[in-house]
Amino acid sequence: SIDNPNKMVYLQMNSLKAEDTGAYYCAADSP
């Protein structure tokens, strides 16, 4: 999800599994 006024992007992760382990990176594209 994105909260544009506050310049935030979120990733809500539920029912996590061991295979979800890792470093998580946020990324943005450009025009």
All heavy atoms as atom14 arrays in JSON, in Angstrom:
{
  "sequence": "SIDNPNKMVYLQMNSLKAEDTGAYYCAADSP",
  "atom14_mask": [
    [1, 1, 1, 1, 1, 1, 0, 0, 0, 0, 0, 0, 0, 0],
    [1, 1, 1, 1, 1, 1, 1, 1, 0, 0, 0, 0, 0, 0],
    [1, 1, 1, 1, 1, 1, 1, 1, 0, 0, 0, 0, 0, 0],
    [1, 1, 1, 1, 1, 1, 1, 1, 0, 0, 0, 0, 0, 0],
    [1, 1, 1, 1, 1, 1, 1, 0, 0, 0, 0, 0, 0, 0],
    [1, 1, 1, 1, 1, 1, 1, 1, 0, 0, 0, 0, 0, 0],
    [1, 1, 1, 1, 1, 1, 1, 1, 1, 0, 0, 0, 0, 0],
    [1, 1, 1, 1, 1, 1, 1, 1, 0, 0, 0, 0, 0, 0],
    [1, 1, 1, 1, 1, 1, 1, 0, 0, 0, 0, 0, 0, 0],
    [1, 1, 1, 1, 1, 1, 1, 1, 1, 1, 1, 1, 0, 0],
    [1, 1, 1, 1, 1, 1, 1, 1, 0, 0, 0, 0, 0, 0],
    [1, 1, 1, 1, 1, 1, 1, 1, 1, 0, 0, 0, 0, 0],
    [1, 1, 1, 1, 1, 1, 1, 1, 0, 0, 0, 0, 0, 0],
    [1, 1, 1, 1, 1, 1, 1, 1, 0, 0, 0, 0, 0, 0],
    [1, 1, 1, 1, 1, 1, 0, 0, 0, 0, 0, 0, 0, 0],
    [1, 1, 1, 1, 1, 1, 1, 1, 0, 0, 0, 0, 0, 0],
    [1, 1, 1, 1, 1, 1, 1, 1, 1, 0, 0, 0, 0, 0],
    [1, 1, 1, 1, 1, 0, 0, 0, 0, 0, 0, 0, 0, 0],
    [1, 1, 1, 1, 1, 1, 1, 1, 1, 0, 0, 0, 0, 0],
    [1, 1, 1, 1, 1, 1, 1, 1, 0, 0, 0, 0, 0, 0],
    [1, 1, 1, 1, 1, 1, 1, 0, 0, 0, 0, 0, 0, 0],
    [1, 1, 1, 1, 0, 0, 0, 0, 0, 0, 0, 0, 0, 0],
    [1, 1, 1, 1, 1, 0, 0, 0, 0, 0, 0, 0, 0, 0],
    [1, 1, 1, 1, 1, 1, 1, 1, 1, 1, 1, 1, 0, 0],
    [1, 1, 1, 1, 1, 1, 1, 1, 1, 1, 1, 1, 0, 0],
    [1, 1, 1, 1, 1, 1, 0, 0, 0, 0, 0, 0, 0, 0],
    [1, 1, 1, 1, 1, 0, 0, 0, 0, 0, 0, 0, 0, 0],
    [1, 1, 1, 1, 1, 0, 0, 0, 0, 0, 0, 0, 0, 0],
    [1, 1, 1, 1, 1, 1, 1, 1, 0, 0, 0, 0, 0, 0],
    [1, 1, 1, 1, 1, 1, 0, 0, 0, 0, 0, 0, 0, 0],
    [1, 1, 1, 1, 1, 1, 1, 0, 0, 0, 0, 0, 0, 0]
  ],
  "atom14_positions": [
    [[0.85, -1.19, 0.0], [0.0, 0.0, 0.0], [0.89, 1.24, 0.0], [2.08, 1.17, 0.31], [-0.94, 0.01, 1.21], [-0.2, 0.02, 2.42], [0.0, 0.0, 0.0], [0.0, 0.0, 0.0], [0.0, 0.0, 0.0], [0.0, 0.0, 0.0], [0.0, 0.0, 0.0], [0.0, 0.0, 0.0], [0.0, 0.0, 0.0], [0.0, 0.0, 0.0]],
    [[0.28, 2.36, -0.34], [1.03, 3.6, -0.42], [0.25, 4.71, 0.29], [-0.97, 4.79, 0.17], [1.34, 3.96, -1.89], [2.36, 5.07, -1.98], [0.07, 4.27, -2.66], [2.98, 5.2, -3.36], [0.0, 0.0, 0.0], [0.0, 0.0, 0.0], [0.0, 0.0, 0.0], [0.0, 0.0, 0.0], [0.0, 0.0, 0.0], [0.0, 0.0, 0.0]],
    [[0.96, 5.52, 1.03], [0.39, 6.7, 1.69], [1.09, 7.9, 1.07], [2.15, 8.32, 1.54], [0.64, 6.61, 3.2], [0.11, 7.82, 3.95], [-0.43, 8.75, 3.3], [0.23, 7.84, 5.19], [0.0, 0.0, 0.0], [0.0, 0.0, 0.0], [0.0, 0.0, 0.0], [0.0, 0.0, 0.0], [0.0, 0.0, 0.0], [0.0, 0.0, 0.0]],
    [[0.5, 8.4, 0.03], [1.16, 9.44, -0.74], [1.41, 10.72, 0.06], [2.53, 11.25, 0.01], [0.34, 9.75, -1.99], [1.06, 10.7, -2.9], [2.26, 10.57, -3.1], [0.34, 11.65, -3.43], [0.0, 0.0, 0.0], [0.0, 0.0, 0.0], [0.0, 0.0, 0.0], [0.0, 0.0, 0.0], [0.0, 0.0, 0.0], [0.0, 0.0, 0.0]],
    [[0.44, 11.26, 0.81], [0.71, 12.51, 1.54], [1.9, 12.41, 2.49], [2.6, 13.39, 2.71], [-0.59, 12.76, 2.29], [-1.63, 12.05, 1.51], [-0.94, 10.81, 1.0], [0.0, 0.0, 0.0], [0.0, 0.0, 0.0], [0.0, 0.0, 0.0], [0.0, 0.0, 0.0], [0.0, 0.0, 0.0], [0.0, 0.0, 0.0], [0.0, 0.0, 0.0]],
    [[2.1, 11.22, 3.07], [3.2, 11.04, 4.02], [4.43, 10.39, 3.4], [5.38, 10.08, 4.12], [2.72, 10.2, 5.21], [1.71, 10.96, 6.06], [1.97, 12.08, 6.49], [0.55, 10.36, 6.28], [0.0, 0.0, 0.0], [0.0, 0.0, 0.0], [0.0, 0.0, 0.0], [0.0, 0.0, 0.0], [0.0, 0.0, 0.0], [0.0, 0.0, 0.0]],
    [[4.39, 10.2, 2.09], [5.54, 9.66, 1.35], [5.99, 8.32, 1.91], [7.19, 8.1, 2.13], [6.7, 10.66, 1.37], [6.35, 12.04, 0.82], [7.54, 12.96, 0.89], [7.18, 14.35, 0.41], [8.33, 15.28, 0.48], [0.0, 0.0, 0.0], [0.0, 0.0, 0.0], [0.0, 0.0, 0.0], [0.0, 0.0, 0.0], [0.0, 0.0, 0.0]],
    [[5.03, 7.44, 2.16], [5.35, 6.14, 2.73], [4.77, 5.02, 1.87], [3.68, 5.14, 1.31], [4.76, 6.01, 4.14], [5.33, 6.99, 5.16], [7.06, 6.69, 5.54], [6.94, 5.1, 6.36], [0.0, 0.0, 0.0], [0.0, 0.0, 0.0], [0.0, 0.0, 0.0], [0.0, 0.0, 0.0], [0.0, 0.0, 0.0], [0.0, 0.0, 0.0]],
    [[5.5, 3.92, 1.81], [5.03, 2.7, 1.17], [5.13, 1.59, 2.2], [6.12, 1.51, 2.94], [5.86, 2.36, -0.07], [5.33, 1.08, -0.72], [5.82, 3.51, -1.06], [0.0, 0.0, 0.0], [0.0, 0.0, 0.0], [0.0, 0.0, 0.0], [0.0, 0.0, 0.0], [0.0, 0.0, 0.0], [0.0, 0.0, 0.0], [0.0, 0.0, 0.0]],
    [[4.15, 0.74, 2.25], [4.1, -0.32, 3.25], [3.99, -1.69, 2.61], [3.45, -1.84, 1.52], [2.9, -0.11, 4.18], [2.89, 1.21, 4.88], [2.09, 2.25, 4.44], [3.71, 1.43, 5.99], [2.08, 3.48, 5.09], [3.71, 2.65, 6.65], [2.9, 3.67, 6.19], [2.91, 4.88, 6.84], [0.0, 0.0, 0.0], [0.0, 0.0, 0.0]],
    [[4.49, -2.67, 3.34], [4.28, -4.07, 2.98], [3.8, -4.79, 4.24], [4.59, -5.02, 5.15], [5.55, -4.71, 2.43], [5.37, -6.14, 1.93], [4.5, -6.16, 0.66], [6.72, -6.8, 1.63], [0.0, 0.0, 0.0], [0.0, 0.0, 0.0], [0.0, 0.0, 0.0], [0.0, 0.0, 0.0], [0.0, 0.0, 0.0], [0.0, 0.0, 0.0]],
    [[2.52, -5.08, 4.28], [1.97, -5.84, 5.39], [2.15, -7.32, 5.09], [1.68, -7.8, 4.06], [0.48, -5.51, 5.58], [-0.19, -6.3, 6.67], [0.33, -5.96, 8.05], [0.52, -4.8, 8.38], [0.57, -6.98, 8.87], [0.0, 0.0, 0.0], [0.0, 0.0, 0.0], [0.0, 0.0, 0.0], [0.0, 0.0, 0.0], [0.0, 0.0, 0.0]],
    [[2.81, -8.01, 5.99], [3.12, -9.42, 5.78], [2.47, -10.25, 6.88], [2.8, -10.08, 8.07], [4.64, -9.64, 5.79], [5.38, -8.74, 4.8], [7.14, -9.13, 4.68], [7.69, -8.73, 6.33], [0.0, 0.0, 0.0], [0.0, 0.0, 0.0], [0.0, 0.0, 0.0], [0.0, 0.0, 0.0], [0.0, 0.0, 0.0], [0.0, 0.0, 0.0]],
    [[1.55, -11.09, 6.5], [0.84, -11.96, 7.44], [1.15, -13.42, 7.15], [1.64, -13.75, 6.07], [-0.67, -11.72, 7.33], [-1.07, -10.3, 7.67], [-0.46, -9.65, 8.52], [-2.11, -9.81, 7.01], [0.0, 0.0, 0.0], [0.0, 0.0, 0.0], [0.0, 0.0, 0.0], [0.0, 0.0, 0.0], [0.0, 0.0, 0.0], [0.0, 0.0, 0.0]],
    [[0.86, -14.25, 8.11], [1.08, -15.7, 7.95], [2.48, -15.99, 7.44], [2.66, -16.76, 6.49], [0.03, -16.29, 7.0], [-1.28, -16.06, 7.46], [0.0, 0.0, 0.0], [0.0, 0.0, 0.0], [0.0, 0.0, 0.0], [0.0, 0.0, 0.0], [0.0, 0.0, 0.0], [0.0, 0.0, 0.0], [0.0, 0.0, 0.0], [0.0, 0.0, 0.0]],
    [[3.45, -15.39, 8.07], [4.83, -15.51, 7.6], [5.33, -16.94, 7.7], [4.95, -17.7, 8.61], [5.72, -14.57, 8.4], [5.62, -13.1, 7.96], [6.14, -12.18, 9.05], [6.38, -12.89, 6.66], [0.0, 0.0, 0.0], [0.0, 0.0, 0.0], [0.0, 0.0, 0.0], [0.0, 0.0, 0.0], [0.0, 0.0, 0.0], [0.0, 0.0, 0.0]],
    [[6.19, -17.27, 6.76], [6.79, -18.6, 6.69], [8.31, -18.45, 6.74], [8.85, -17.39, 6.43], [6.38, -19.28, 5.39], [4.89, -19.38, 5.16], [4.59, -19.97, 3.79], [3.08, -20.04, 3.53], [2.78, -20.6, 2.18], [0.0, 0.0, 0.0], [0.0, 0.0, 0.0], [0.0, 0.0, 0.0], [0.0, 0.0, 0.0], [0.0, 0.0, 0.0]],
    [[8.96, -19.55, 7.07], [10.43, -19.52, 7.14], [11.03, -19.1, 5.81], [12.05, -18.4, 5.77], [10.95, -20.89, 7.56], [0.0, 0.0, 0.0], [0.0, 0.0, 0.0], [0.0, 0.0, 0.0], [0.0, 0.0, 0.0], [0.0, 0.0, 0.0], [0.0, 0.0, 0.0], [0.0, 0.0, 0.0], [0.0, 0.0, 0.0], [0.0, 0.0, 0.0]],
    [[10.41, -19.48, 4.72], [10.93, -19.14, 3.39], [10.76, -17.67, 3.03], [11.25, -17.22, 1.99], [10.3, -20.01, 2.31], [8.79, -20.07, 2.34], [8.27, -21.29, 3.08], [8.82, -21.63, 4.17], [7.3, -21.9, 2.59], [0.0, 0.0, 0.0], [0.0, 0.0, 0.0], [0.0, 0.0, 0.0], [0.0, 0.0, 0.0], [0.0, 0.0, 0.0]],
    [[10.08, -16.9, 3.88], [10.0, -15.46, 3.67], [11.22, -14.72, 4.23], [11.36, -13.51, 4.06], [8.74, -14.89, 4.34], [7.46, -15.4, 3.71], [7.4, -15.49, 2.48], [6.51, -15.7, 4.47], [0.0, 0.0, 0.0], [0.0, 0.0, 0.0], [0.0, 0.0, 0.0], [0.0, 0.0, 0.0], [0.0, 0.0, 0.0], [0.0, 0.0, 0.0]],
    [[12.09, -15.45, 4.88], [13.29, -14.85, 5.46], [14.18, -14.24, 4.39], [14.38, -14.84, 3.33], [14.08, -15.91, 6.24], [13.3, -16.31, 7.38], [15.42, -15.37, 6.71], [0.0, 0.0, 0.0], [0.0, 0.0, 0.0], [0.0, 0.0, 0.0], [0.0, 0.0, 0.0], [0.0, 0.0, 0.0], [0.0, 0.0, 0.0], [0.0, 0.0, 0.0]],
    [[14.69, -13.05, 4.67], [15.6, -12.4, 3.75], [15.69, -10.91, 4.01], [14.99, -10.39, 4.89], [0.0, 0.0, 0.0], [0.0, 0.0, 0.0], [0.0, 0.0, 0.0], [0.0, 0.0, 0.0], [0.0, 0.0, 0.0], [0.0, 0.0, 0.0], [0.0, 0.0, 0.0], [0.0, 0.0, 0.0], [0.0, 0.0, 0.0], [0.0, 0.0, 0.0]],
    [[16.54, -10.26, 3.24], [16.62, -8.81, 3.29], [15.58, -8.25, 2.32], [15.53, -8.68, 1.17], [18.01, -8.33, 2.91], [0.0, 0.0, 0.0], [0.0, 0.0, 0.0], [0.0, 0.0, 0.0], [0.0, 0.0, 0.0], [0.0, 0.0, 0.0], [0.0, 0.0, 0.0], [0.0, 0.0, 0.0], [0.0, 0.0, 0.0], [0.0, 0.0, 0.0]],
    [[14.77, -7.33, 2.8], [13.7, -6.76, 1.99], [14.08, -5.34, 1.56], [14.49, -4.53, 2.39], [12.39, -6.74, 2.78], [11.72, -8.09, 2.82], [12.28, -9.15, 3.53], [10.54, -8.33, 2.11], [11.68, -10.39, 3.54], [9.92, -9.57, 2.12], [10.49, -10.6, 2.84], [9.89, -11.84, 2.86], [0.0, 0.0, 0.0], [0.0, 0.0, 0.0]],
    [[13.91, -5.08, 0.28], [14.31, -3.81, -0.31], [13.11, -3.1, -0.92], [12.32, -3.72, -1.64], [15.36, -4.02, -1.39], [16.64, -4.64, -0.89], [16.79, -6.02, -0.86], [17.69, -3.85, -0.44], [17.96, -6.6, -0.39], [18.87, -4.41, 0.01], [18.99, -5.79, 0.04], [20.15, -6.36, 0.51], [0.0, 0.0, 0.0], [0.0, 0.0, 0.0]],
    [[13.03, -1.83, -0.67], [12.04, -0.98, -1.3], [12.66, -0.38, -2.56], [13.86, -0.07, -2.58], [11.65, 0.13, -0.31], [10.51, 1.35, -0.93], [0.0, 0.0, 0.0], [0.0, 0.0, 0.0], [0.0, 0.0, 0.0], [0.0, 0.0, 0.0], [0.0, 0.0, 0.0], [0.0, 0.0, 0.0], [0.0, 0.0, 0.0], [0.0, 0.0, 0.0]],
    [[11.86, -0.22, -3.6], [12.37, 0.31, -4.85], [11.33, 1.2, -5.51], [10.13, 1.02, -5.32], [12.74, -0.85, -5.79], [0.0, 0.0, 0.0], [0.0, 0.0, 0.0], [0.0, 0.0, 0.0], [0.0, 0.0, 0.0], [0.0, 0.0, 0.0], [0.0, 0.0, 0.0], [0.0, 0.0, 0.0], [0.0, 0.0, 0.0], [0.0, 0.0, 0.0]],
    [[11.83, 2.15, -6.31], [10.96, 3.05, -7.04], [11.43, 3.16, -8.48], [12.64, 3.16, -8.74], [10.94, 4.43, -6.39], [0.0, 0.0, 0.0], [0.0, 0.0, 0.0], [0.0, 0.0, 0.0], [0.0, 0.0, 0.0], [0.0, 0.0, 0.0], [0.0, 0.0, 0.0], [0.0, 0.0, 0.0], [0.0, 0.0, 0.0], [0.0, 0.0, 0.0]],
    [[10.49, 3.24, -9.39], [10.9, 3.4, -10.78], [10.95, 4.89, -11.12], [10.94, 5.74, -10.24], [9.98, 2.61, -11.71], [8.59, 3.24, -11.85], [8.3, 4.26, -11.19], [7.78, 2.7, -12.62], [0.0, 0.0, 0.0], [0.0, 0.0, 0.0], [0.0, 0.0, 0.0], [0.0, 0.0, 0.0], [0.0, 0.0, 0.0], [0.0, 0.0, 0.0]],
    [[11.02, 5.18, -12.38], [11.08, 6.57, -12.83], [10.29, 6.68, -14.13], [9.89, 5.67, -14.71], [12.53, 6.99, -13.05], [13.03, 6.44, -14.25], [0.0, 0.0, 0.0], [0.0, 0.0, 0.0], [0.0, 0.0, 0.0], [0.0, 0.0, 0.0], [0.0, 0.0, 0.0], [0.0, 0.0, 0.0], [0.0, 0.0, 0.0], [0.0, 0.0, 0.0]],
    [[10.05, 7.89, -14.59], [9.29, 8.05, -15.83], [9.94, 7.38, -17.03], [9.27, 7.13, -18.04], [9.25, 9.58, -16.01], [9.34, 10.11, -14.62], [10.27, 9.17, -13.9], [0.0, 0.0, 0.0], [0.0, 0.0, 0.0], [0.0, 0.0, 0.0], [0.0, 0.0, 0.0], [0.0, 0.0, 0.0], [0.0, 0.0, 0.0], [0.0, 0.0, 0.0]]
  ]
}
